[in-house]
Amino acid sequence: MSREKLREIIFGYRTKAGKTFDVILLAAIIISVIGVILDSDKDIHLKYGKLLMITEWIFTIFFTIEYILRIYSSSTRKRYIFSTMGIIDLLSIIPTYLTLIFSGPIGHLIDIRILRLIRVFRIFQLTPYLRSGHRMQIALRSSRPKIIVFILYISLITVVLGTLMYIVEGQKNGFESIADSIYWSVVTLTTVGYGDVVPMTSLGKTISVLIMLLGYAIIAVPTGIVSAEFAKNDKEQLKNQGEIMKKENQIISKEEEILSKLNELEKYIKDKKI
């Protein structure tokens, strides 16, 4: 099989062979991820561990061959290798080989190959959903400086309040160190609240209430920032559409003017012939 034909099957999705290959690939990804999830259960691992391990190695060899063929058939190999999908393709096969060197649950990192399902947007032509995701990415990128500043301020507040709680409550009430108090402050601020450490003094409870109220601001402020960027981007998009429509109207009016002059010229020529 020629390199061009192989590239059409592996990277293409408009041909029948290309779409069939992609659907088989997606099915293999889903089955392998389900296998990893099942293998993490102790009872299933004891009963079917060997079978799941053999299955995983079969999938890993399949994905390794597929990755090599992608590099071989790619028109720009370096660009594919260092692209987002190329890196994900590589990371999806590395954990299985790492199990030969390291013992433990490192092999379960194979679940990263679930990210390869991003190709489903291309295969099943779900571009409107991908476009929406791109809009969200733009909004998050635009609001990044504001969110970073917000997180910085919140970090400073948690350090100050955590230290204050350490001074007010002391080690006798579970606040063993400033680090533990800061951790408690973060947990309380994010409204998680494990309940293992609680303030006992009136002042400590008052500070806790303040931290809990600030926790709601954490949810509201970033949401407002991102929403504002969404509205801003939509406004700019509408403005650009308006400019495009204006230019289209100008082009149409020019075309009508040219057609009118051509008709006048044609009429003039006919009159001269007569």
Protein backbone atom coordinates (compact mmCIF):
# COMPACT_ATOMS: atom_id res chain seq x y z
CA MET A 1 0.00 0.00 0.00
CA SER A 2 1.36 3.41 -0.96
CA ARG A 3 2.11 6.10 1.65
CA GLU A 4 -0.55 8.42 0.20
CA LYS A 5 -3.22 5.71 0.40
CA LEU A 6 -2.21 4.89 3.96
CA ARG A 7 -2.40 8.58 4.91
CA GLU A 8 -5.85 8.81 3.36
CA ILE A 9 -7.07 5.89 5.50
CA ILE A 10 -5.41 6.91 8.80
CA PHE A 11 -5.82 10.68 8.71
CA GLY A 12 -8.79 10.92 6.37
CA TYR A 13 -12.41 10.48 7.34
CA ARG A 14 -14.36 11.28 4.19
CA THR A 15 -13.63 7.99 2.46
CA LYS A 16 -15.34 4.76 3.51
CA ALA A 17 -12.02 3.11 4.44
CA GLY A 18 -10.93 6.13 6.50
CA LYS A 19 -14.20 6.37 8.40
CA THR A 20 -14.23 2.60 9.07
CA PHE A 21 -10.67 2.79 10.43
CA ASP A 22 -11.56 5.70 12.74
CA VAL A 23 -14.70 3.97 14.05
CA ILE A 24 -12.69 0.79 14.80
CA LEU A 25 -10.05 2.94 16.52
CA LEU A 26 -12.64 4.70 18.69
CA ALA A 27 -14.23 1.38 19.65
CA ALA A 28 -10.80 0.00 20.63
CA ILE A 29 -10.11 3.10 22.76
CA ILE A 30 -13.44 2.80 24.60
CA ILE A 31 -13.03 -0.95 25.24
CA SER A 32 -9.45 -0.54 26.49
CA VAL A 33 -10.42 2.28 28.87
CA ILE A 34 -13.32 0.19 30.23
CA GLY A 35 -10.86 -2.66 30.75
CA VAL A 36 -8.53 -0.42 32.77
CA ILE A 37 -11.44 0.82 34.91
CA LEU A 38 -12.59 -2.75 35.58
CA ASP A 39 -9.06 -3.87 36.40
CA SER A 40 -8.84 -1.26 39.16
CA ASP A 41 -11.50 -3.21 41.09
CA LYS A 42 -9.82 -5.63 43.49
CA ASP A 43 -12.26 -8.53 43.02
CA ILE A 44 -12.30 -8.24 39.23
CA HIS A 45 -8.50 -7.99 39.18
CA LEU A 46 -8.13 -11.19 41.20
CA LYS A 47 -10.56 -13.08 38.94
CA TYR A 48 -9.84 -11.67 35.49
CA GLY A 49 -6.52 -9.83 36.00
CA LYS A 50 -4.50 -11.98 33.59
CA LEU A 51 -7.14 -11.80 30.86
CA LEU A 52 -7.42 -8.00 31.21
CA MET A 53 -3.62 -7.68 31.15
CA ILE A 54 -3.35 -9.73 27.94
CA THR A 55 -6.16 -7.70 26.38
CA GLU A 56 -4.44 -4.47 27.34
CA TRP A 57 -1.17 -5.56 25.76
CA ILE A 58 -3.02 -6.45 22.55
CA PHE A 59 -4.57 -2.97 22.48
CA THR A 60 -1.23 -1.32 23.32
CA ILE A 61 0.55 -3.15 20.47
CA PHE A 62 -2.30 -2.15 18.14
CA PHE A 63 -2.04 1.51 19.19
CA THR A 64 1.77 1.38 18.92
CA ILE A 65 1.58 0.12 15.33
CA GLU A 66 -1.06 2.75 14.58
CA TYR A 67 1.19 5.51 16.05
CA ILE A 68 4.16 4.36 13.97
CA LEU A 69 2.00 4.26 10.83
CA ARG A 70 0.76 7.78 11.58
CA ILE A 71 4.35 9.02 11.73
CA TYR A 72 5.27 7.11 8.57
CA SER A 73 2.29 8.30 6.52
CA SER A 74 2.21 11.89 7.80
CA SER A 75 3.12 14.50 5.22
CA THR A 76 4.79 16.59 7.94
CA ARG A 77 6.10 14.09 10.50
CA LYS A 78 7.64 16.60 12.89
CA ARG A 79 4.43 18.62 12.96
CA TYR A 80 2.35 15.54 13.84
CA ILE A 81 4.77 14.28 16.53
CA PHE A 82 4.73 17.60 18.40
CA SER A 83 1.05 18.35 17.81
CA THR A 84 -1.49 18.02 20.63
CA MET A 85 -3.02 14.84 19.20
CA GLY A 86 0.42 13.40 18.43
CA ILE A 87 1.53 13.86 22.05
CA ILE A 88 -1.75 12.34 23.31
CA ASP A 89 -1.28 9.37 20.96
CA LEU A 90 2.20 8.81 22.39
CA LEU A 91 1.16 9.23 26.04
CA SER A 92 -1.67 6.72 25.54
CA ILE A 93 0.79 3.86 24.93
CA ILE A 94 3.68 4.76 27.26
CA PRO A 95 2.05 3.69 30.60
CA THR A 96 1.77 0.03 29.54
CA TYR A 97 5.48 -0.12 28.72
CA LEU A 98 6.30 1.62 32.02
CA THR A 99 4.73 -1.31 33.88
CA LEU A 100 7.71 -3.40 32.69
CA ILE A 101 10.00 -1.08 34.67
CA PHE A 102 7.86 0.19 37.53
CA SER A 103 5.41 -1.81 39.61
CA GLY A 104 2.20 -0.41 41.02
CA PRO A 105 -0.84 1.32 39.54
CA ILE A 106 1.14 3.42 37.05
CA GLY A 107 -0.39 1.38 34.22
CA HIS A 108 -3.77 2.88 34.98
CA LEU A 109 -2.52 6.12 33.43
CA ILE A 110 -3.59 4.43 30.20
CA ASP A 111 -6.94 6.13 30.81
CA ILE A 112 -5.34 9.21 29.24
CA ARG A 113 -6.12 7.64 25.87
CA ILE A 114 -9.76 8.62 26.46
CA LEU A 115 -8.61 12.04 25.21
CA ARG A 116 -8.21 10.48 21.78
CA LEU A 117 -11.99 10.43 21.54
CA ILE A 118 -11.69 14.11 20.59
CA ARG A 119 -11.51 12.76 17.05
CA VAL A 120 -15.21 11.87 17.36
CA PHE A 121 -15.99 15.52 16.56
CA ARG A 122 -14.25 15.18 13.21
CA ILE A 123 -15.46 11.69 12.33
CA PHE A 124 -19.14 12.27 13.01
CA GLN A 125 -18.99 15.88 11.77
CA LEU A 126 -19.88 17.46 15.10
CA THR A 127 -18.10 20.71 14.19
CA PRO A 128 -20.75 22.98 15.80
CA TYR A 129 -19.89 21.45 19.19
CA LEU A 130 -16.18 21.84 18.50
CA ARG A 131 -16.79 25.47 17.51
CA SER A 132 -18.55 26.07 20.84
CA GLY A 133 -15.60 24.55 22.66
CA HIS A 134 -13.28 26.86 20.72
CA ARG A 135 -15.38 29.86 21.79
CA MET A 136 -15.06 28.79 25.43
CA GLN A 137 -11.31 28.38 25.00
CA ILE A 138 -11.04 31.92 23.63
CA ALA A 139 -13.14 33.29 26.51
CA LEU A 140 -11.00 31.49 29.12
CA ARG A 141 -7.79 32.69 27.47
CA SER A 142 -9.04 36.28 27.39
CA SER A 143 -10.09 36.20 31.05
CA ARG A 144 -6.89 34.49 32.22
CA PRO A 145 -5.15 37.64 33.60
CA LYS A 146 -8.22 38.58 35.66
CA ILE A 147 -8.61 35.05 37.00
CA ILE A 148 -4.89 34.86 37.90
CA VAL A 149 -5.14 38.13 39.83
CA PHE A 150 -8.29 36.88 41.55
CA ILE A 151 -6.63 33.59 42.57
CA LEU A 152 -3.60 35.51 43.82
CA TYR A 153 -5.78 37.66 46.09
CA ILE A 154 -7.68 34.60 47.35
CA SER A 155 -4.35 32.86 48.09
CA LEU A 156 -3.18 35.82 50.14
CA ILE A 157 -6.50 35.89 52.02
CA THR A 158 -6.30 32.17 52.85
CA VAL A 159 -2.75 32.57 54.21
CA VAL A 160 -3.78 35.51 56.40
CA LEU A 161 -7.00 33.89 57.65
CA GLY A 162 -5.27 30.54 58.21
CA THR A 163 -2.57 32.21 60.28
CA LEU A 164 -5.22 34.14 62.20
CA MET A 165 -7.11 30.92 62.95
CA TYR A 166 -3.90 29.32 64.21
CA ILE A 167 -3.41 32.24 66.60
CA VAL A 168 -7.05 32.33 67.75
CA GLU A 169 -7.72 28.58 68.10
CA GLY A 170 -4.27 27.22 68.87
CA GLN A 171 -3.05 23.63 68.74
CA LYS A 172 -5.50 22.44 71.38
CA ASN A 173 -8.44 22.72 68.94
CA GLY A 174 -6.83 20.81 66.07
CA PHE A 175 -4.96 23.65 64.35
CA GLU A 176 -1.57 21.99 64.80
CA SER A 177 0.42 24.36 62.59
CA ILE A 178 0.04 27.37 60.30
CA ALA A 179 0.20 25.02 57.29
CA ASP A 180 -2.67 22.92 58.69
CA SER A 181 -4.64 26.10 59.41
CA ILE A 182 -4.10 27.37 55.85
CA TYR A 183 -5.25 23.99 54.54
CA TRP A 184 -8.36 24.25 56.73
CA SER A 185 -8.92 27.77 55.40
CA VAL A 186 -8.76 26.54 51.78
CA VAL A 187 -11.12 23.64 52.50
CA THR A 188 -13.60 25.96 54.21
CA LEU A 189 -13.26 28.64 51.51
CA THR A 190 -14.09 26.15 48.77
CA THR A 191 -17.17 25.07 50.78
CA VAL A 192 -15.88 21.47 50.96
CA GLY A 193 -15.66 21.31 54.74
CA TYR A 194 -14.42 17.90 55.89
CA GLY A 195 -15.49 18.62 59.47
CA ASP A 196 -12.41 16.98 61.03
CA VAL A 197 -11.26 20.31 62.46
CA VAL A 198 -13.75 22.92 63.71
CA PRO A 199 -13.21 26.17 65.63
CA MET A 200 -14.29 26.23 69.27
CA THR A 201 -13.94 29.90 70.22
CA SER A 202 -16.47 32.60 69.33
CA LEU A 203 -13.87 34.61 67.40
CA GLY A 204 -12.81 31.50 65.48
CA LYS A 205 -16.43 30.77 64.53
CA THR A 206 -16.85 34.38 63.36
CA ILE A 207 -13.78 34.06 61.12
CA SER A 208 -15.17 30.76 59.81
CA VAL A 209 -18.43 32.45 58.83
CA LEU A 210 -16.45 35.13 56.98
CA ILE A 211 -14.46 32.47 55.11
CA MET A 212 -17.65 30.59 54.16
CA LEU A 213 -19.23 33.77 52.78
CA LEU A 214 -16.06 34.43 50.78
CA GLY A 215 -16.43 30.91 49.38
CA TYR A 216 -19.55 31.94 47.47
CA ALA A 217 -17.63 34.85 45.96
CA ILE A 218 -15.10 32.34 44.62
CA ILE A 219 -17.88 30.69 42.65
CA ALA A 220 -19.50 33.94 41.48
CA VAL A 221 -16.51 36.08 40.47
CA PRO A 222 -14.76 33.75 37.96
CA THR A 223 -18.13 32.87 36.45
CA GLY A 224 -18.87 36.56 35.96
CA ILE A 225 -15.45 37.17 34.41
CA VAL A 226 -15.82 34.35 31.88
CA SER A 227 -19.44 35.31 31.11
CA ALA A 228 -18.34 38.89 30.43
CA GLU A 229 -15.70 37.63 28.00
CA PHE A 230 -18.34 35.49 26.27
CA ALA A 231 -20.59 38.53 25.86
CA LYS A 232 -17.64 40.62 24.64
CA ASN A 233 -16.65 38.01 22.05
CA ASP A 234 -20.27 37.68 20.87
CA LYS A 235 -20.50 41.45 20.50
CA GLU A 236 -17.28 41.55 18.47
CA GLN A 237 -18.53 38.68 16.33
CA LEU A 238 -21.81 40.50 15.65
CA LYS A 239 -19.84 43.65 14.83
CA ASN A 240 -17.65 41.74 12.38
CA GLN A 241 -20.74 40.17 10.80
CA GLY A 242 -22.27 43.63 10.45
CA GLU A 243 -19.13 44.92 8.71
CA ILE A 244 -19.10 41.90 6.40
CA MET A 245 -22.75 42.45 5.48
CA LYS A 246 -22.06 46.13 4.87
CA LYS A 247 -19.19 45.27 2.52
CA GLU A 248 -21.36 42.68 0.76
CA ASN A 249 -24.05 45.33 0.21
CA GLN A 250 -21.41 47.70 -1.19
CA ILE A 251 -20.19 44.99 -3.56
CA ILE A 252 -23.78 44.24 -4.65
CA SER A 253 -24.44 47.94 -5.30
CA LYS A 254 -21.22 48.16 -7.33
CA GLU A 255 -22.24 45.11 -9.32
CA GLU A 256 -25.65 46.65 -10.03
CA GLU A 257 -23.96 49.87 -11.14
CA ILE A 258 -21.61 47.96 -13.44
CA LEU A 259 -24.51 45.95 -14.91
CA SER A 260 -26.44 49.17 -15.49
CA LYS A 261 -23.50 50.72 -17.35
CA LEU A 262 -23.03 47.54 -19.39
CA ASN A 263 -26.69 47.63 -20.39
CA GLU A 264 -26.35 51.29 -21.39
CA LEU A 265 -23.21 50.47 -23.40
CA GLU A 266 -24.95 47.56 -25.12
CA LYS A 267 -27.91 49.77 -25.97
CA TYR A 268 -25.57 52.46 -27.33
CA ILE A 269 -23.79 49.94 -29.57
CA LYS A 270 -27.09 48.65 -30.89
CA ASP A 271 -28.23 52.21 -31.65
CA LYS A 272 -24.99 52.94 -33.52
CA LYS A 273 -25.42 49.78 -35.64
CA ILE A 274 -28.88 50.87 -36.62
